Structure formats: structure tokens, C-alpha cells
Amino acid sequence: MAKNTAPLQMRHWGDPVLRKPCFPVEVITEELRHLAVDMIETMYHANGVGLAAPQVGRSEKLCVIDVPEDAEKEEYAQINAAIPMPLVMFNPEILVREGEQTDEEGCLSFPSIHAPVTRADKVSFTFADINGERHTYTAYGLLARAVQHELEHLDGGVFIDNVADKSKIEAKLEKLEAKTKRKLALS
């Protein structure tokens, strides 16, 4: 999938686009297909497992996910292997959440910031793929976490909204937000 283009510009904490809910995609155009491919390349370039449209300054309900099989816990790797990667999801929606898992979570829009977050361990979700076909899958473990994380972005949420104790990351958040706001003021 490599192209000779630079990755899309990543938006960081402090950029208002991260807090704006996205709008549903009515028609999957060629431009949106290209955006999805560029988002996948940007995600790979940043060594991420997911990326949502607001993270690259867009407002469509679109996210991409690619959880490597070797990153998943063994008991979930076989189950999740039936879900083709990378996922390109237009208008995704979580149908069912079950169980609970707590683990360190990070985000490409929050470089070098990680904190424990509790999410459902199993999710069933639906979406339209790059060709507009609807799919429904059930995911477990890290893939379930990634789905919840990326869909949260589409509603204007970010992972730190789910951090119970922000005291350990507060200084880093303030520093990142100030840096982002300075950068936005100069552009």
C-alpha cells in the first residue's frame, strides 16, 4: 500500500477538531476512498493500530484499524483472525458491549501519553466498508479496545475521558495542549 506521499498531518490534544462529533457519510466517494487509504498509510507510518478521521483534521464518520495478530492475546488471536485487516469503517456503530478489560492505552493524538483505561472485552459492531457493503463483526481483546477507542473519536471523545486518575498524566497533557495551541496560532 506504500505510496510516494507524505503521511497526513496528525492532530494532537488541544486541537478543537478532536472534540467535534463527526457527521455520517452519505455517499462513499472516490475522494473518501483515497482518504481511507491515506489514513491507513498514516497509521502505519505512526506505528498505530487505529486512526479516526478527526485525528487527521476530518469530520466524516470514518476510521481505520489494523491490529496485528501477534499483538493480540493468544486466546483472542484465532477468534479475531476471521476479521480481515485492515478495517476501513464508514459510519461504524457498536451494537453490543460485554465484559471488562483494563489495560494501558495510548493514542496517536497524545504522543508519549499512556494510562490505564477500562473498556468492554467483547464488542459487536457494524459498519460500511470502502465499497459501501455493510458488515457486522464481534471482536475481543485488543481489537475490541481499538474499535471502542476509534469510535469514541468519531463522537468527539478521547481516551483520557476514560482515565480514572489523570494526576500522573496531567502535566504531560497540559504541555501537549499548550504546544498544540501555539502551533495552531502560528498557522
N, C-alpha and C. Protein backbone atom coordinates (compact mmCIF):
# COMPACT_ATOMS: atom_id res chain seq x y z
N MET A 1 0.81 -1.20 0.00
CA MET A 1 0.00 0.00 0.00
C MET A 1 0.84 1.26 0.00
N ALA A 2 2.14 1.12 -0.01
CA ALA A 2 3.00 2.29 0.08
C ALA A 2 2.84 3.17 -1.15
N LYS A 3 2.76 4.46 -0.87
CA LYS A 3 2.71 5.46 -1.93
C LYS A 3 3.88 6.40 -1.71
N ASN A 4 4.11 7.26 -2.65
CA ASN A 4 5.19 8.23 -2.52
C ASN A 4 4.69 9.55 -1.96
N THR A 5 3.72 9.48 -1.09
CA THR A 5 3.19 10.70 -0.50
C THR A 5 3.52 10.72 0.99
N ALA A 6 3.56 11.92 1.53
CA ALA A 6 3.81 12.07 2.97
C ALA A 6 2.55 11.68 3.71
N PRO A 7 2.70 11.21 4.94
CA PRO A 7 1.51 10.89 5.73
C PRO A 7 0.68 12.14 5.98
N LEU A 8 -0.58 11.92 6.30
CA LEU A 8 -1.46 13.04 6.64
C LEU A 8 -0.97 13.68 7.94
N GLN A 9 -1.30 14.95 8.12
CA GLN A 9 -0.89 15.65 9.34
C GLN A 9 -1.72 15.18 10.52
N MET A 10 -1.04 14.71 11.56
CA MET A 10 -1.70 14.24 12.77
C MET A 10 -2.11 15.43 13.63
N ARG A 11 -3.34 15.38 14.12
CA ARG A 11 -3.83 16.41 15.04
C ARG A 11 -3.60 15.92 16.47
N HIS A 12 -3.14 16.84 17.32
CA HIS A 12 -2.82 16.49 18.69
C HIS A 12 -3.75 17.17 19.69
N TRP A 13 -3.72 16.66 20.92
CA TRP A 13 -4.52 17.19 22.01
C TRP A 13 -4.35 18.70 22.08
N GLY A 14 -5.48 19.38 22.15
CA GLY A 14 -5.50 20.84 22.13
C GLY A 14 -6.10 21.36 20.84
N ASP A 15 -6.13 20.51 19.81
CA ASP A 15 -6.77 20.88 18.54
C ASP A 15 -8.27 20.65 18.69
N PRO A 16 -9.10 21.69 18.48
CA PRO A 16 -10.55 21.55 18.70
C PRO A 16 -11.22 20.48 17.84
N VAL A 17 -10.63 20.09 16.72
CA VAL A 17 -11.24 19.09 15.84
C VAL A 17 -11.43 17.75 16.58
N LEU A 18 -10.58 17.48 17.57
CA LEU A 18 -10.67 16.21 18.29
C LEU A 18 -11.93 16.12 19.16
N ARG A 19 -12.55 17.27 19.45
CA ARG A 19 -13.73 17.28 20.30
C ARG A 19 -15.04 17.45 19.53
N LYS A 20 -14.95 17.54 18.22
CA LYS A 20 -16.16 17.73 17.40
C LYS A 20 -16.71 16.39 16.94
N PRO A 21 -17.99 16.12 17.21
CA PRO A 21 -18.59 14.90 16.68
C PRO A 21 -18.59 14.91 15.15
N CYS A 22 -18.39 13.75 14.56
CA CYS A 22 -18.34 13.62 13.11
C CYS A 22 -19.74 13.43 12.53
N PHE A 23 -19.84 13.70 11.24
CA PHE A 23 -21.12 13.52 10.57
C PHE A 23 -21.11 12.24 9.74
N PRO A 24 -22.28 11.59 9.60
CA PRO A 24 -22.35 10.35 8.83
C PRO A 24 -21.98 10.58 7.36
N VAL A 25 -21.40 9.57 6.77
CA VAL A 25 -21.05 9.60 5.35
C VAL A 25 -22.27 9.12 4.57
N GLU A 26 -22.80 9.98 3.71
CA GLU A 26 -23.97 9.63 2.91
C GLU A 26 -23.58 8.80 1.68
N VAL A 27 -22.47 9.21 1.03
CA VAL A 27 -22.00 8.53 -0.18
C VAL A 27 -20.50 8.33 -0.05
N ILE A 28 -20.04 7.12 -0.28
CA ILE A 28 -18.61 6.84 -0.23
C ILE A 28 -18.03 7.16 -1.60
N THR A 29 -17.41 8.33 -1.67
CA THR A 29 -16.86 8.83 -2.93
C THR A 29 -15.44 8.33 -3.14
N GLU A 30 -14.93 8.55 -4.34
CA GLU A 30 -13.55 8.19 -4.64
C GLU A 30 -12.59 8.97 -3.73
N GLU A 31 -12.91 10.23 -3.46
CA GLU A 31 -12.07 11.05 -2.58
C GLU A 31 -12.02 10.44 -1.18
N LEU A 32 -13.14 9.93 -0.68
CA LEU A 32 -13.17 9.30 0.64
C LEU A 32 -12.42 7.97 0.65
N ARG A 33 -12.47 7.25 -0.46
CA ARG A 33 -11.69 6.02 -0.56
C ARG A 33 -10.20 6.33 -0.48
N HIS A 34 -9.79 7.38 -1.18
CA HIS A 34 -8.38 7.80 -1.13
C HIS A 34 -8.00 8.25 0.27
N LEU A 35 -8.91 8.98 0.93
CA LEU A 35 -8.67 9.40 2.31
C LEU A 35 -8.45 8.18 3.20
N ALA A 36 -9.27 7.16 3.05
CA ALA A 36 -9.14 5.95 3.86
C ALA A 36 -7.78 5.30 3.65
N VAL A 37 -7.33 5.20 2.40
CA VAL A 37 -6.02 4.62 2.10
C VAL A 37 -4.92 5.49 2.72
N ASP A 38 -5.05 6.81 2.59
CA ASP A 38 -4.06 7.70 3.20
C ASP A 38 -4.05 7.58 4.72
N MET A 39 -5.22 7.36 5.31
CA MET A 39 -5.29 7.19 6.76
C MET A 39 -4.59 5.90 7.18
N ILE A 40 -4.77 4.84 6.41
CA ILE A 40 -4.08 3.57 6.72
C ILE A 40 -2.57 3.79 6.66
N GLU A 41 -2.09 4.44 5.62
CA GLU A 41 -0.66 4.70 5.48
C GLU A 41 -0.14 5.56 6.63
N THR A 42 -0.93 6.56 7.01
CA THR A 42 -0.54 7.44 8.12
C THR A 42 -0.48 6.65 9.42
N MET A 43 -1.46 5.78 9.65
CA MET A 43 -1.49 4.93 10.84
C MET A 43 -0.25 4.04 10.88
N TYR A 44 0.08 3.39 9.77
CA TYR A 44 1.27 2.53 9.72
C TYR A 44 2.54 3.35 9.97
N HIS A 45 2.62 4.51 9.35
CA HIS A 45 3.80 5.38 9.49
C HIS A 45 4.01 5.75 10.96
N ALA A 46 2.91 5.93 11.70
CA ALA A 46 2.99 6.32 13.11
C ALA A 46 3.02 5.12 14.05
N ASN A 47 3.07 3.91 13.48
CA ASN A 47 3.07 2.67 14.28
C ASN A 47 1.84 2.55 15.17
N GLY A 48 0.69 2.94 14.63
CA GLY A 48 -0.56 2.83 15.37
C GLY A 48 -1.34 1.61 14.94
N VAL A 49 -2.40 1.31 15.70
CA VAL A 49 -3.30 0.21 15.33
C VAL A 49 -4.67 0.74 14.92
N GLY A 50 -4.86 2.05 15.02
CA GLY A 50 -6.13 2.65 14.62
C GLY A 50 -5.96 4.14 14.40
N LEU A 51 -6.86 4.69 13.59
CA LEU A 51 -6.84 6.12 13.30
C LEU A 51 -8.24 6.54 12.89
N ALA A 52 -8.72 7.62 13.47
CA ALA A 52 -10.05 8.15 13.15
C ALA A 52 -9.91 9.47 12.41
N ALA A 53 -10.90 9.78 11.59
CA ALA A 53 -10.88 10.98 10.76
C ALA A 53 -10.52 12.27 11.51
N PRO A 54 -11.07 12.52 12.71
CA PRO A 54 -10.70 13.76 13.39
C PRO A 54 -9.21 13.89 13.68
N GLN A 55 -8.53 12.76 13.81
CA GLN A 55 -7.11 12.78 14.10
C GLN A 55 -6.27 13.30 12.94
N VAL A 56 -6.89 13.37 11.76
CA VAL A 56 -6.21 13.97 10.60
C VAL A 56 -7.00 15.18 10.10
N GLY A 57 -7.82 15.76 11.00
CA GLY A 57 -8.50 17.00 10.69
C GLY A 57 -9.77 16.88 9.87
N ARG A 58 -10.35 15.71 9.80
CA ARG A 58 -11.56 15.50 9.03
C ARG A 58 -12.74 15.24 9.95
N SER A 59 -13.96 15.40 9.41
CA SER A 59 -15.16 15.28 10.24
C SER A 59 -16.13 14.20 9.78
N GLU A 60 -15.68 13.32 8.89
CA GLU A 60 -16.52 12.22 8.46
C GLU A 60 -16.46 11.08 9.46
N LYS A 61 -17.54 10.31 9.55
CA LYS A 61 -17.54 9.11 10.40
C LYS A 61 -16.76 8.03 9.65
N LEU A 62 -15.47 8.06 9.82
CA LEU A 62 -14.55 7.15 9.15
C LEU A 62 -13.38 6.85 10.09
N CYS A 63 -13.07 5.58 10.22
CA CYS A 63 -11.87 5.19 10.96
C CYS A 63 -11.28 3.94 10.32
N VAL A 64 -10.01 3.73 10.62
CA VAL A 64 -9.29 2.56 10.11
C VAL A 64 -8.62 1.86 11.29
N ILE A 65 -8.52 0.55 11.20
CA ILE A 65 -7.91 -0.24 12.27
C ILE A 65 -7.14 -1.40 11.64
N ASP A 66 -5.97 -1.68 12.22
CA ASP A 66 -5.22 -2.87 11.84
C ASP A 66 -4.45 -3.35 13.08
N VAL A 67 -5.01 -4.33 13.74
CA VAL A 67 -4.37 -4.92 14.92
C VAL A 67 -3.61 -6.15 14.45
N PRO A 68 -2.29 -6.13 14.52
CA PRO A 68 -1.52 -7.31 14.11
C PRO A 68 -1.87 -8.52 14.98
N GLU A 69 -1.94 -9.67 14.36
CA GLU A 69 -2.31 -10.89 15.09
C GLU A 69 -1.36 -11.15 16.26
N ASP A 70 -0.08 -10.82 16.08
CA ASP A 70 0.88 -11.08 17.16
C ASP A 70 0.78 -10.07 18.31
N ALA A 71 -0.03 -9.03 18.14
CA ALA A 71 -0.24 -8.06 19.22
C ALA A 71 -1.41 -8.48 20.12
N GLU A 72 -2.19 -9.42 19.66
CA GLU A 72 -3.39 -9.86 20.38
C GLU A 72 -3.05 -11.00 21.33
N LYS A 73 -3.75 -11.06 22.44
CA LYS A 73 -3.59 -12.19 23.36
C LYS A 73 -3.94 -13.47 22.61
N GLU A 74 -3.21 -14.53 22.93
CA GLU A 74 -3.36 -15.79 22.21
C GLU A 74 -4.80 -16.29 22.14
N GLU A 75 -5.53 -16.19 23.24
CA GLU A 75 -6.91 -16.70 23.25
C GLU A 75 -7.84 -15.92 22.33
N TYR A 76 -7.46 -14.70 21.97
CA TYR A 76 -8.31 -13.89 21.09
C TYR A 76 -7.81 -13.86 19.65
N ALA A 77 -6.54 -14.16 19.44
CA ALA A 77 -5.94 -14.05 18.11
C ALA A 77 -6.68 -14.90 17.08
N GLN A 78 -7.00 -16.14 17.43
CA GLN A 78 -7.70 -17.02 16.48
C GLN A 78 -9.11 -16.52 16.19
N ILE A 79 -9.81 -16.08 17.21
CA ILE A 79 -11.18 -15.58 17.02
C ILE A 79 -11.17 -14.34 16.14
N ASN A 80 -10.28 -13.39 16.46
CA ASN A 80 -10.23 -12.14 15.71
C ASN A 80 -9.63 -12.32 14.31
N ALA A 81 -8.92 -13.41 14.07
CA ALA A 81 -8.29 -13.64 12.77
C ALA A 81 -9.31 -13.71 11.64
N ALA A 82 -10.56 -14.00 11.96
CA ALA A 82 -11.61 -14.08 10.94
C ALA A 82 -12.02 -12.69 10.45
N ILE A 83 -11.58 -11.64 11.14
CA ILE A 83 -11.92 -10.27 10.75
C ILE A 83 -10.78 -9.76 9.87
N PRO A 84 -11.06 -9.45 8.61
CA PRO A 84 -9.99 -9.05 7.69
C PRO A 84 -9.42 -7.67 8.04
N MET A 85 -8.09 -7.61 8.05
CA MET A 85 -7.39 -6.36 8.34
C MET A 85 -6.70 -5.87 7.08
N PRO A 86 -6.54 -4.57 6.88
CA PRO A 86 -7.03 -3.52 7.76
C PRO A 86 -8.53 -3.29 7.57
N LEU A 87 -9.18 -2.85 8.63
CA LEU A 87 -10.59 -2.47 8.57
C LEU A 87 -10.69 -1.01 8.15
N VAL A 88 -11.55 -0.75 7.19
CA VAL A 88 -11.92 0.62 6.83
C VAL A 88 -13.40 0.70 7.16
N MET A 89 -13.74 1.58 8.10
CA MET A 89 -15.11 1.60 8.60
C MET A 89 -15.76 2.98 8.42
N PHE A 90 -16.76 3.00 7.57
CA PHE A 90 -17.60 4.20 7.41
C PHE A 90 -18.85 4.01 8.25
N ASN A 91 -19.23 5.04 8.97
CA ASN A 91 -20.44 5.04 9.81
C ASN A 91 -20.48 3.83 10.75
N PRO A 92 -19.39 3.57 11.46
CA PRO A 92 -19.38 2.41 12.36
C PRO A 92 -20.25 2.66 13.58
N GLU A 93 -20.72 1.57 14.14
CA GLU A 93 -21.59 1.65 15.31
C GLU A 93 -21.39 0.39 16.16
N ILE A 94 -21.26 0.58 17.46
CA ILE A 94 -21.17 -0.56 18.36
C ILE A 94 -22.58 -1.00 18.72
N LEU A 95 -22.84 -2.28 18.56
CA LEU A 95 -24.17 -2.84 18.83
C LEU A 95 -24.27 -3.41 20.24
N VAL A 96 -23.21 -4.11 20.68
CA VAL A 96 -23.22 -4.77 21.98
C VAL A 96 -21.83 -4.66 22.60
N ARG A 97 -21.80 -4.40 23.91
CA ARG A 97 -20.55 -4.42 24.69
C ARG A 97 -20.74 -5.42 25.80
N GLU A 98 -19.71 -6.27 26.00
CA GLU A 98 -19.78 -7.27 27.07
C GLU A 98 -18.43 -7.38 27.76
N GLY A 99 -18.47 -7.75 29.03
CA GLY A 99 -17.25 -7.99 29.78
C GLY A 99 -16.50 -6.72 30.09
N GLU A 100 -15.31 -6.90 30.61
CA GLU A 100 -14.50 -5.75 31.00
C GLU A 100 -13.03 -6.11 30.93
N GLN A 101 -12.22 -5.17 30.48
CA GLN A 101 -10.78 -5.30 30.44
C GLN A 101 -10.17 -3.95 30.79
N THR A 102 -9.08 -3.98 31.53
CA THR A 102 -8.35 -2.76 31.86
C THR A 102 -6.92 -2.95 31.39
N ASP A 103 -6.42 -1.97 30.65
CA ASP A 103 -5.07 -2.06 30.14
C ASP A 103 -4.55 -0.66 29.84
N GLU A 104 -3.22 -0.56 29.66
CA GLU A 104 -2.62 0.71 29.26
C GLU A 104 -3.11 1.04 27.87
N GLU A 105 -3.45 2.30 27.68
CA GLU A 105 -3.91 2.74 26.38
C GLU A 105 -3.19 4.03 26.02
N GLY A 106 -2.95 4.20 24.75
CA GLY A 106 -2.35 5.41 24.24
C GLY A 106 -3.12 5.84 23.02
N CYS A 107 -2.64 6.89 22.37
CA CYS A 107 -3.35 7.43 21.21
C CYS A 107 -2.36 8.23 20.38
N LEU A 108 -2.47 8.12 19.06
CA LEU A 108 -1.58 8.86 18.18
C LEU A 108 -1.72 10.37 18.34
N SER A 109 -2.86 10.83 18.84
CA SER A 109 -3.07 12.26 19.07
C SER A 109 -2.55 12.71 20.44
N PHE A 110 -2.02 11.75 21.21
CA PHE A 110 -1.44 12.01 22.53
C PHE A 110 -0.07 11.33 22.61
N PRO A 111 0.90 11.78 21.80
CA PRO A 111 2.18 11.07 21.76
C PRO A 111 2.83 10.98 23.15
N SER A 112 3.35 9.80 23.45
CA SER A 112 4.06 9.51 24.69
C SER A 112 3.20 9.59 25.95
N ILE A 113 1.88 9.58 25.79
CA ILE A 113 0.99 9.60 26.95
C ILE A 113 0.21 8.29 26.97
N HIS A 114 0.32 7.57 28.07
CA HIS A 114 -0.37 6.29 28.25
C HIS A 114 -0.98 6.26 29.64
N ALA A 115 -2.12 5.59 29.75
CA ALA A 115 -2.79 5.47 31.05
C ALA A 115 -3.72 4.27 31.00
N PRO A 116 -4.03 3.71 32.17
CA PRO A 116 -4.96 2.57 32.21
C PRO A 116 -6.39 3.02 31.90
N VAL A 117 -7.05 2.25 31.05
CA VAL A 117 -8.43 2.53 30.66
C VAL A 117 -9.20 1.22 30.70
N THR A 118 -10.41 1.27 31.25
CA THR A 118 -11.28 0.11 31.28
C THR A 118 -12.29 0.22 30.16
N ARG A 119 -12.39 -0.85 29.38
CA ARG A 119 -13.34 -0.91 28.27
C ARG A 119 -13.97 -2.30 28.25
N ALA A 120 -14.96 -2.47 27.40
CA ALA A 120 -15.57 -3.79 27.22
C ALA A 120 -14.54 -4.74 26.61
N ASP A 121 -14.61 -6.00 26.97
CA ASP A 121 -13.69 -7.01 26.47
C ASP A 121 -14.17 -7.60 25.15
N LYS A 122 -15.47 -7.45 24.88
CA LYS A 122 -16.07 -8.01 23.67
C LYS A 122 -17.05 -6.97 23.12
N VAL A 123 -16.95 -6.70 21.82
CA VAL A 123 -17.90 -5.78 21.18
C VAL A 123 -18.39 -6.36 19.86
N SER A 124 -19.65 -6.15 19.61
CA SER A 124 -20.20 -6.43 18.28
C SER A 124 -20.42 -5.08 17.64
N PHE A 125 -20.01 -4.95 16.38
CA PHE A 125 -20.08 -3.66 15.71
C PHE A 125 -20.43 -3.84 14.24
N THR A 126 -20.95 -2.78 13.67
CA THR A 126 -21.35 -2.80 12.26
C THR A 126 -20.80 -1.56 11.58
N PHE A 127 -20.60 -1.66 10.27
CA PHE A 127 -20.04 -0.53 9.51
C PHE A 127 -20.20 -0.81 8.01
N ALA A 128 -19.99 0.23 7.23
CA ALA A 128 -19.91 0.08 5.77
C ALA A 128 -18.43 0.08 5.39
N ASP A 129 -18.05 -0.84 4.51
CA ASP A 129 -16.65 -0.90 4.09
C ASP A 129 -16.40 0.11 2.97
N ILE A 130 -15.21 0.07 2.40
CA ILE A 130 -14.79 1.04 1.39
C ILE A 130 -15.66 0.98 0.13
N ASN A 131 -16.37 -0.16 -0.07
CA ASN A 131 -17.27 -0.30 -1.22
C ASN A 131 -18.73 -0.06 -0.84
N GLY A 132 -18.97 0.31 0.41
CA GLY A 132 -20.34 0.59 0.85
C GLY A 132 -21.10 -0.62 1.35
N GLU A 133 -20.45 -1.79 1.38
CA GLU A 133 -21.11 -3.00 1.87
C GLU A 133 -21.10 -3.02 3.39
N ARG A 134 -22.24 -3.40 3.99
CA ARG A 134 -22.35 -3.48 5.45
C ARG A 134 -21.75 -4.78 5.96
N HIS A 135 -21.09 -4.68 7.10
CA HIS A 135 -20.52 -5.84 7.78
C HIS A 135 -20.83 -5.74 9.26
N THR A 136 -20.95 -6.86 9.90
CA THR A 136 -21.11 -6.91 11.35
C THR A 136 -20.14 -7.97 11.86
N TYR A 137 -19.33 -7.59 12.85
CA TYR A 137 -18.35 -8.50 13.44
C TYR A 137 -18.43 -8.43 14.96
N THR A 138 -17.88 -9.44 15.59
CA THR A 138 -17.69 -9.43 17.03
C THR A 138 -16.20 -9.59 17.28
N ALA A 139 -15.64 -8.68 18.08
CA ALA A 139 -14.20 -8.67 18.36
C ALA A 139 -13.96 -8.76 19.86
N TYR A 140 -12.79 -9.27 20.20
CA TYR A 140 -12.39 -9.45 21.58
C TYR A 140 -11.04 -8.79 21.82
N GLY A 141 -10.71 -8.56 23.08
CA GLY A 141 -9.38 -8.13 23.47
C GLY A 141 -8.95 -6.80 22.88
N LEU A 142 -7.71 -6.78 22.35
CA LEU A 142 -7.14 -5.55 21.83
C LEU A 142 -7.95 -5.00 20.66
N LEU A 143 -8.43 -5.87 19.79
CA LEU A 143 -9.25 -5.39 18.67
C LEU A 143 -10.54 -4.74 19.19
N ALA A 144 -11.16 -5.33 20.19
CA ALA A 144 -12.36 -4.73 20.79
C ALA A 144 -12.01 -3.36 21.38
N ARG A 145 -10.86 -3.27 22.03
CA ARG A 145 -10.40 -2.00 22.61
C ARG A 145 -10.20 -0.96 21.50
N ALA A 146 -9.55 -1.36 20.41
CA ALA A 146 -9.28 -0.44 19.31
C ALA A 146 -10.58 0.06 18.68
N VAL A 147 -11.54 -0.83 18.50
CA VAL A 147 -12.84 -0.42 17.93
C VAL A 147 -13.49 0.64 18.83
N GLN A 148 -13.52 0.38 20.13
CA GLN A 148 -14.13 1.33 21.06
C GLN A 148 -13.38 2.67 21.05
N HIS A 149 -12.07 2.61 21.04
CA HIS A 149 -11.23 3.81 21.04
C HIS A 149 -11.50 4.67 19.80
N GLU A 150 -11.47 4.04 18.63
CA GLU A 150 -11.63 4.82 17.39
C GLU A 150 -13.06 5.36 17.25
N LEU A 151 -14.06 4.57 17.62
CA LEU A 151 -15.44 5.06 17.52
C LEU A 151 -15.69 6.20 18.49
N GLU A 152 -15.01 6.18 19.61
CA GLU A 152 -15.10 7.28 20.57
C GLU A 152 -14.65 8.59 19.92
N HIS A 153 -13.57 8.53 19.15
CA HIS A 153 -13.09 9.72 18.43
C HIS A 153 -14.19 10.30 17.53
N LEU A 154 -14.96 9.43 16.90
CA LEU A 154 -15.98 9.90 15.96
C LEU A 154 -17.11 10.64 16.65
N ASP A 155 -17.23 10.45 17.96
CA ASP A 155 -18.25 11.16 18.75
C ASP A 155 -17.68 12.35 19.50
N GLY A 156 -16.42 12.70 19.22
CA GLY A 156 -15.78 13.83 19.89
C GLY A 156 -15.15 13.47 21.22
N GLY A 157 -14.99 12.19 21.48
CA GLY A 157 -14.36 11.74 22.72
C GLY A 157 -12.91 11.36 22.49
N VAL A 158 -12.17 11.30 23.58
CA VAL A 158 -10.77 10.87 23.52
C VAL A 158 -10.49 9.94 24.69
N PHE A 159 -9.45 9.16 24.59
CA PHE A 159 -9.22 8.10 25.58
C PHE A 159 -9.06 8.63 27.00
N ILE A 160 -8.54 9.84 27.15
CA ILE A 160 -8.33 10.36 28.51
C ILE A 160 -9.65 10.63 29.23
N ASP A 161 -10.76 10.68 28.48
CA ASP A 161 -12.07 10.82 29.11
C ASP A 161 -12.37 9.62 30.01
N ASN A 162 -11.70 8.49 29.75
CA ASN A 162 -11.94 7.25 30.48
C ASN A 162 -10.87 6.93 31.51
N VAL A 163 -9.94 7.85 31.72
CA VAL A 163 -8.87 7.63 32.69
C VAL A 163 -9.38 8.06 34.07
N ALA A 164 -9.38 7.12 34.99
CA ALA A 164 -9.91 7.39 36.33
C ALA A 164 -9.05 8.39 37.10
N ASP A 165 -7.72 8.23 37.03
CA ASP A 165 -6.81 9.10 37.76
C ASP A 165 -5.86 9.76 36.77
N LYS A 166 -6.14 11.02 36.44
CA LYS A 166 -5.34 11.74 35.46
C LYS A 166 -4.11 12.42 36.07
N SER A 167 -3.95 12.32 37.39
CA SER A 167 -2.88 13.06 38.07
C SER A 167 -1.49 12.72 37.51
N LYS A 168 -1.28 11.47 37.10
CA LYS A 168 0.04 11.07 36.60
C LYS A 168 0.33 11.58 35.20
N ILE A 169 -0.71 11.95 34.46
CA ILE A 169 -0.51 12.42 33.08
C ILE A 169 -0.88 13.89 32.90
N GLU A 170 -1.36 14.53 33.95
CA GLU A 170 -1.84 15.91 33.86
C GLU A 170 -0.80 16.88 33.30
N ALA A 171 0.42 16.82 33.79
CA ALA A 171 1.46 17.74 33.34
C ALA A 171 1.76 17.52 31.85
N LYS A 172 1.82 16.25 31.42
CA LYS A 172 2.07 15.96 30.01
C LYS A 172 0.92 16.47 29.13
N LEU A 173 -0.32 16.32 29.61
CA LEU A 173 -1.48 16.79 28.86
C LEU A 173 -1.44 18.31 28.70
N GLU A 174 -1.13 19.01 29.78
CA GLU A 174 -1.06 20.47 29.73
C GLU A 174 0.03 20.93 28.78
N LYS A 175 1.19 20.28 28.82
CA LYS A 175 2.31 20.63 27.94
C LYS A 175 1.94 20.40 26.47
N LEU A 176 1.33 19.25 26.18
CA LEU A 176 0.93 18.94 24.81
C LEU A 176 -0.13 19.92 24.31
N GLU A 177 -1.12 20.21 25.15
CA GLU A 177 -2.17 21.15 24.76
C GLU A 177 -1.60 22.53 24.46
N ALA A 178 -0.69 23.02 25.30
CA ALA A 178 -0.07 24.33 25.09
C ALA A 178 0.73 24.34 23.79
N LYS A 179 1.50 23.28 23.55
CA LYS A 179 2.29 23.18 22.31
C LYS A 179 1.39 23.18 21.08
N THR A 180 0.30 22.43 21.14
CA THR A 180 -0.64 22.36 20.01
C THR A 180 -1.28 23.72 19.77
N LYS A 181 -1.70 24.39 20.81
CA LYS A 181 -2.34 25.70 20.66
C LYS A 181 -1.37 26.73 20.09
N ARG A 182 -0.10 26.68 20.50
CA ARG A 182 0.91 27.59 19.91
C ARG A 182 1.06 27.31 18.42
N LYS A 183 1.12 26.04 18.07
CA LYS A 183 1.27 25.64 16.67
C LYS A 183 0.06 26.11 15.84
N LEU A 184 -1.16 25.93 16.40
CA LEU A 184 -2.37 26.36 15.69
C LEU A 184 -2.41 27.88 15.52
N ALA A 185 -1.93 28.61 16.52
CA ALA A 185 -1.92 30.08 16.44
C ALA A 185 -0.99 30.58 15.36
N LEU A 186 0.07 29.82 15.09
CA LEU A 186 1.04 30.22 14.06
C LEU A 186 0.60 29.84 12.65
N SER A 187 -0.37 28.96 12.56
CA SER A 187 -0.77 28.51 11.20
C SER A 187 -1.91 29.32 10.64
